[in-house]
Amino acid sequence: MKILFKLASSIVFVFCISVMGAAQSASPSPTPDDKAEQVVQKAIQAVGGPAYLGVQTSVGRGFFTEYREGRSGVPVRFLDYIAYPDRERTEFSGSGNRTIQTNDRDQGWLFDAAAMTLKDQTPMQVAEFKSGMRTGLENLLRGWWRKDAKLSYVGRREASLGRRNEVVRLTYTDDFWVEYEFAALDGMPAKALYKRKQKNPDTEEMEEISEEDRFFKPLAVSGVTAFFVIDHFRNGQQTWRINYETVEFNKPLAESLFAKPASIKAVK
């Protein structure tokens, strides 16, 4: 779960009048890449600017709800710890059970109280966590993508009646891409969209799946804007919702939170 969120400004020279009597001057239009950087910088300011970029850890509490065929399931309480950029521990509790999913860079572990199991994550599960990092809003706004992706401007897209979103795209070296939408008016993040391939269990054939995160209920916490509701859609149908009750930033996190316990009895 990746639920939360360079101050270097892009400078465009508006005009230059020659004191030597030049007849006229032109205002250069920003290139698509420059425009994309401007959109990202505006978004960073919208979510807190330096305060946002200064966040090192976050602790979120709330409810996670799965949806099936448009119907919501029973909400499950969660407690999520994040140490940026690549460490996360999420605890789920409800219906008499408790599970923990923890990722620490290139490794991870899982605990299931009902099944009485404590085991390492599979390579596929670790890969899914890294994929979530790739598509996360934090990845774009904090610039972690810059080593292996390219940022480009897509254009404006209709958001609602009379409203438009600015759209930028990250394209990775393996051709995987993610698009992010921001409100044209104030730069507030609105959506993240991407496509991935998945094997159909019925046909055993690979099919393309459209995924989309939508960000709602922006609230200021210690000078940082956090989205307290995040909805996820797959092929246009909602599959889950994250609803935060509280979010805390820059709270010290113990190393033991991410280290795999020596035994089930040692799980805290």
Protein backbone atom coordinates (compact mmCIF):
# COMPACT_ATOMS: atom_id res chain seq x y z
CA MET A 1 0.00 0.00 0.00
CA LYS A 2 1.17 3.04 -0.95
CA ILE A 3 -1.01 5.58 0.01
CA LEU A 4 1.03 9.05 0.67
CA PHE A 5 2.93 11.53 -0.81
CA LYS A 6 12.45 19.37 -5.96
CA LEU A 7 11.66 22.49 -5.14
CA ALA A 8 13.83 23.62 -8.09
CA SER A 9 11.61 25.90 -10.17
CA SER A 10 11.48 25.70 -13.97
CA ILE A 11 12.24 29.14 -15.38
CA VAL A 12 10.71 30.33 -18.67
CA PHE A 13 12.02 33.64 -20.07
CA VAL A 14 8.97 35.68 -20.99
CA PHE A 15 10.58 38.40 -23.07
CA CYS A 16 13.83 40.18 -23.72
CA ILE A 17 13.92 43.69 -25.27
CA SER A 18 17.22 44.72 -26.76
CA VAL A 19 18.44 48.15 -25.68
CA MET A 20 20.35 48.26 -28.95
CA GLY A 21 17.10 48.80 -30.85
CA ALA A 22 16.03 45.28 -31.81
CA ALA A 23 12.71 45.43 -33.62
CA GLN A 24 10.95 42.79 -31.52
CA SER A 25 11.39 39.88 -29.11
CA ALA A 26 9.61 36.54 -28.91
CA SER A 27 8.36 34.57 -25.92
CA PRO A 28 9.62 31.02 -26.33
CA SER A 29 7.02 28.35 -25.68
CA PRO A 30 8.04 25.68 -23.19
CA THR A 31 8.91 22.30 -24.65
CA PRO A 32 6.70 19.33 -23.71
CA ASP A 33 9.32 18.19 -21.21
CA ASP A 34 9.60 21.67 -19.68
CA LYS A 35 5.83 21.85 -19.42
CA ALA A 36 5.75 18.49 -17.63
CA GLU A 37 8.30 19.74 -15.10
CA GLN A 38 6.19 22.86 -14.51
CA VAL A 39 3.12 20.72 -13.83
CA VAL A 40 5.06 18.59 -11.33
CA GLN A 41 6.52 21.63 -9.55
CA LYS A 42 3.06 23.15 -9.25
CA ALA A 43 1.77 19.89 -7.77
CA ILE A 44 4.59 19.84 -5.23
CA GLN A 45 3.63 23.30 -4.08
CA ALA A 46 -0.02 22.25 -3.90
CA VAL A 47 0.76 19.45 -1.44
CA GLY A 48 3.06 21.46 0.81
CA GLY A 49 6.28 22.36 -1.01
CA PRO A 50 9.30 22.11 1.32
CA ALA A 51 7.18 20.61 4.12
CA TYR A 52 6.09 17.80 1.77
CA LEU A 53 9.60 17.14 0.48
CA GLY A 54 10.87 17.08 4.06
CA VAL A 55 8.67 14.14 5.07
CA GLN A 56 10.82 11.10 5.92
CA THR A 57 8.24 8.84 7.58
CA SER A 58 4.48 8.53 7.83
CA VAL A 59 2.11 6.57 10.04
CA GLY A 60 -1.45 6.13 8.84
CA ARG A 61 -4.49 4.56 10.50
CA GLY A 62 -7.87 3.84 9.02
CA PHE A 63 -9.93 1.29 7.13
CA PHE A 64 -9.32 -0.73 3.98
CA THR A 65 -12.38 -1.95 2.07
CA GLU A 66 -12.44 -4.39 -0.83
CA TYR A 67 -15.08 -4.11 -3.54
CA ARG A 68 -16.45 -7.00 -5.59
CA GLU A 69 -18.68 -6.38 -8.59
CA GLY A 70 -19.34 -2.87 -7.36
CA ARG A 71 -20.27 -3.89 -3.83
CA SER A 72 -18.19 -3.03 -0.80
CA GLY A 73 -17.02 -5.69 1.58
CA VAL A 74 -16.49 -5.42 5.33
CA PRO A 75 -13.93 -2.70 6.15
CA VAL A 76 -10.73 -3.95 7.77
CA ARG A 77 -8.74 -1.74 10.11
CA PHE A 78 -5.14 -1.04 9.10
CA LEU A 79 -2.04 0.55 10.58
CA ASP A 80 0.57 1.56 8.03
CA TYR A 81 4.20 2.55 8.66
CA ILE A 82 6.32 4.01 5.86
CA ALA A 83 10.00 4.99 5.90
CA TYR A 84 10.69 6.64 2.55
CA PRO A 85 11.60 5.67 -0.04
CA ASP A 86 11.32 1.87 0.11
CA ARG A 87 10.28 0.49 3.49
CA GLU A 88 6.70 -0.21 4.53
CA ARG A 89 4.85 -2.26 7.12
CA THR A 90 1.07 -2.63 6.98
CA GLU A 91 -0.94 -4.36 9.69
CA PHE A 92 -4.53 -5.47 9.07
CA SER A 93 -6.91 -6.51 11.84
CA GLY A 94 -10.52 -7.61 11.83
CA SER A 95 -12.81 -10.63 12.15
CA GLY A 96 -10.55 -12.05 14.83
CA ASN A 97 -7.46 -12.11 12.62
CA ARG A 98 -4.29 -10.07 12.27
CA THR A 99 -1.93 -10.00 9.32
CA ILE A 100 1.28 -8.08 8.69
CA GLN A 101 2.88 -7.35 5.36
CA THR A 102 6.35 -5.82 5.53
CA ASN A 103 8.74 -4.77 2.77
CA ASP A 104 12.29 -3.62 3.35
CA ARG A 105 13.96 -2.63 0.08
CA ASP A 106 14.56 -5.88 -1.86
CA GLN A 107 12.99 -8.26 0.63
CA GLY A 108 9.83 -8.74 2.63
CA TRP A 109 7.93 -10.99 5.03
CA LEU A 110 4.34 -11.93 5.87
CA PHE A 111 2.63 -12.87 9.11
CA ASP A 112 -0.83 -14.44 9.37
CA ALA A 113 -2.12 -14.95 12.92
CA ALA A 114 -5.05 -17.18 11.89
CA ALA A 115 -2.85 -19.52 9.85
CA MET A 116 0.00 -19.22 12.37
CA THR A 117 2.52 -18.55 9.61
CA LEU A 118 5.54 -16.30 9.33
CA LYS A 119 7.30 -16.47 5.99
CA ASP A 120 9.36 -14.58 3.47
CA GLN A 121 7.61 -12.92 0.57
CA THR A 122 7.99 -14.61 -2.78
CA PRO A 123 9.95 -12.86 -5.56
CA MET A 124 6.60 -12.09 -7.21
CA GLN A 125 5.26 -10.44 -4.06
CA VAL A 126 8.39 -8.32 -3.73
CA ALA A 127 8.06 -7.39 -7.41
CA GLU A 128 4.46 -6.29 -6.78
CA PHE A 129 5.64 -4.01 -3.99
CA LYS A 130 8.24 -2.46 -6.28
CA SER A 131 5.62 -2.04 -8.97
CA GLY A 132 3.48 -0.16 -6.46
CA MET A 133 6.43 2.13 -5.74
CA ARG A 134 6.79 2.79 -9.46
CA THR A 135 3.18 3.89 -9.86
CA GLY A 136 2.91 5.81 -6.60
CA LEU A 137 2.40 9.56 -6.50
CA GLU A 138 5.38 9.86 -4.15
CA ASN A 139 7.65 8.42 -6.84
CA LEU A 140 6.74 11.21 -9.25
CA LEU A 141 6.74 14.17 -6.87
CA ARG A 142 9.91 13.17 -5.03
CA GLY A 143 11.84 12.45 -8.23
CA TRP A 144 12.85 8.87 -7.50
CA TRP A 145 12.01 8.00 -11.12
CA ARG A 146 14.78 10.12 -12.63
CA LYS A 147 17.35 7.33 -12.96
CA ASP A 148 15.27 5.03 -15.13
CA ALA A 149 12.28 6.93 -16.55
CA LYS A 150 11.44 9.95 -18.70
CA LEU A 151 8.86 12.60 -17.91
CA SER A 152 6.69 14.05 -20.69
CA TYR A 153 3.65 16.28 -21.00
CA VAL A 154 0.51 14.62 -22.39
CA GLY A 155 -1.91 17.57 -22.44
CA ARG A 156 -5.18 18.50 -20.80
CA ARG A 157 -7.94 16.01 -20.10
CA GLU A 158 -11.56 16.59 -19.11
CA ALA A 159 -12.13 16.02 -15.41
CA SER A 160 -15.69 17.18 -14.84
CA LEU A 161 -18.04 19.81 -16.19
CA GLY A 162 -15.96 22.94 -16.77
CA ARG A 163 -12.82 21.45 -15.25
CA ARG A 164 -9.66 20.10 -16.82
CA ASN A 165 -6.67 18.14 -15.54
CA GLU A 166 -3.07 18.55 -16.66
CA VAL A 167 -1.59 15.15 -17.56
CA VAL A 168 2.05 14.05 -17.42
CA ARG A 169 3.52 10.64 -18.17
CA LEU A 170 6.46 8.67 -16.79
CA THR A 171 7.86 6.18 -19.32
CA TYR A 172 10.38 3.65 -18.01
CA THR A 173 13.19 2.01 -19.94
CA ASP A 174 11.14 -1.20 -20.20
CA ASP A 175 8.30 0.81 -21.85
CA PHE A 176 6.05 0.64 -18.78
CA TRP A 177 4.26 3.96 -18.32
CA VAL A 178 2.20 5.77 -15.71
CA GLU A 179 0.09 8.87 -16.26
CA TYR A 180 -0.71 11.36 -13.51
CA GLU A 181 -3.50 13.93 -13.59
CA PHE A 182 -3.45 17.24 -11.69
CA ALA A 183 -6.14 19.89 -11.43
CA ALA A 184 -5.28 22.58 -13.97
CA LEU A 185 -6.44 25.34 -11.61
CA ASP A 186 -4.42 24.62 -8.49
CA GLY A 187 -2.16 21.66 -9.34
CA MET A 188 -3.77 19.31 -6.81
CA PRO A 189 -3.16 15.60 -7.62
CA ALA A 190 -6.27 13.87 -8.94
CA LYS A 191 -5.43 10.49 -10.52
CA ALA A 192 -2.74 7.97 -11.42
CA LEU A 193 -3.38 5.64 -14.38
CA TYR A 194 -1.39 2.76 -15.86
CA LYS A 195 -1.77 -0.55 -17.65
CA ARG A 196 -0.22 -3.89 -16.87
CA LYS A 197 -0.37 -7.40 -18.26
CA GLN A 198 -1.79 -10.29 -16.28
CA LYS A 199 -2.48 -13.93 -17.06
CA ASN A 200 -6.17 -14.77 -17.30
CA PRO A 201 -6.74 -17.78 -14.97
CA ASP A 202 -9.47 -19.11 -17.25
CA THR A 203 -7.76 -18.82 -20.64
CA GLU A 204 -4.12 -18.85 -19.47
CA GLU A 205 -3.54 -15.99 -21.89
CA MET A 206 -1.99 -12.64 -21.06
CA GLU A 207 -4.41 -9.73 -21.02
CA GLU A 208 -3.99 -6.00 -20.50
CA ILE A 209 -5.46 -4.56 -17.31
CA SER A 210 -6.18 -0.86 -16.79
CA GLU A 211 -5.50 0.38 -13.25
CA GLU A 212 -6.43 3.74 -11.75
CA ASP A 213 -5.99 5.46 -8.39
CA ARG A 214 -8.21 8.44 -7.55
CA PHE A 215 -7.30 10.85 -4.76
CA PHE A 216 -9.98 12.45 -2.60
CA LYS A 217 -10.44 14.41 0.63
CA PRO A 218 -7.18 16.40 0.73
CA LEU A 219 -6.48 17.61 4.26
CA ALA A 220 -3.55 19.59 5.67
CA VAL A 221 -1.44 17.79 8.28
CA SER A 222 1.56 19.66 9.68
CA GLY A 223 1.76 21.75 6.52
CA VAL A 224 1.50 18.73 4.21
CA THR A 225 -1.58 17.84 2.17
CA ALA A 226 -2.57 14.20 2.61
CA PHE A 227 -5.36 12.42 0.76
CA PHE A 228 -7.60 10.72 3.30
CA VAL A 229 -9.56 8.73 0.71
CA ILE A 230 -7.98 6.77 -2.15
CA ASP A 231 -10.10 4.67 -4.50
CA HIS A 232 -8.65 2.07 -6.85
CA PHE A 233 -10.30 0.95 -10.09
CA ARG A 234 -9.49 -1.98 -12.38
CA ASN A 235 -10.89 -1.87 -15.89
CA GLY A 236 -13.27 0.86 -14.77
CA GLN A 237 -14.65 -1.03 -11.76
CA GLN A 238 -13.77 -0.15 -8.18
CA THR A 239 -11.74 -2.83 -6.38
CA TRP A 240 -10.77 -1.17 -3.10
CA ARG A 241 -10.86 1.98 -0.97
CA ILE A 242 -8.44 3.32 1.62
CA ASN A 243 -10.01 5.64 4.16
CA TYR A 244 -7.60 7.24 6.61
CA GLU A 245 -8.66 8.36 10.07
CA THR A 246 -5.28 9.85 11.04
CA VAL A 247 -1.92 10.52 9.40
CA GLU A 248 1.29 11.49 11.21
CA PHE A 249 4.49 12.66 9.55
CA ASN A 250 8.15 12.38 10.59
CA LYS A 251 7.44 10.20 13.59
CA PRO A 252 10.51 8.12 14.57
CA LEU A 253 10.14 4.48 13.48
CA ALA A 254 12.02 1.66 15.18
CA GLU A 255 14.14 -0.62 12.98
CA SER A 256 12.40 -3.59 14.58
CA LEU A 257 9.19 -2.68 12.76
CA PHE A 258 10.70 -3.80 9.45
CA ALA A 259 12.98 -6.64 10.61
CA LYS A 260 11.57 -10.14 10.29
CA PRO A 261 10.91 -11.62 13.76
CA ALA A 262 12.88 -14.70 14.77
CA SER A 263 9.66 -16.67 15.38
CA ILE A 264 5.88 -16.34 15.46
CA LYS A 265 6.01 -15.79 19.22
CA ALA A 266 8.32 -12.83 18.65
CA VAL A 267 5.84 -10.99 16.40
CA LYS A 268 4.66 -7.75 17.98
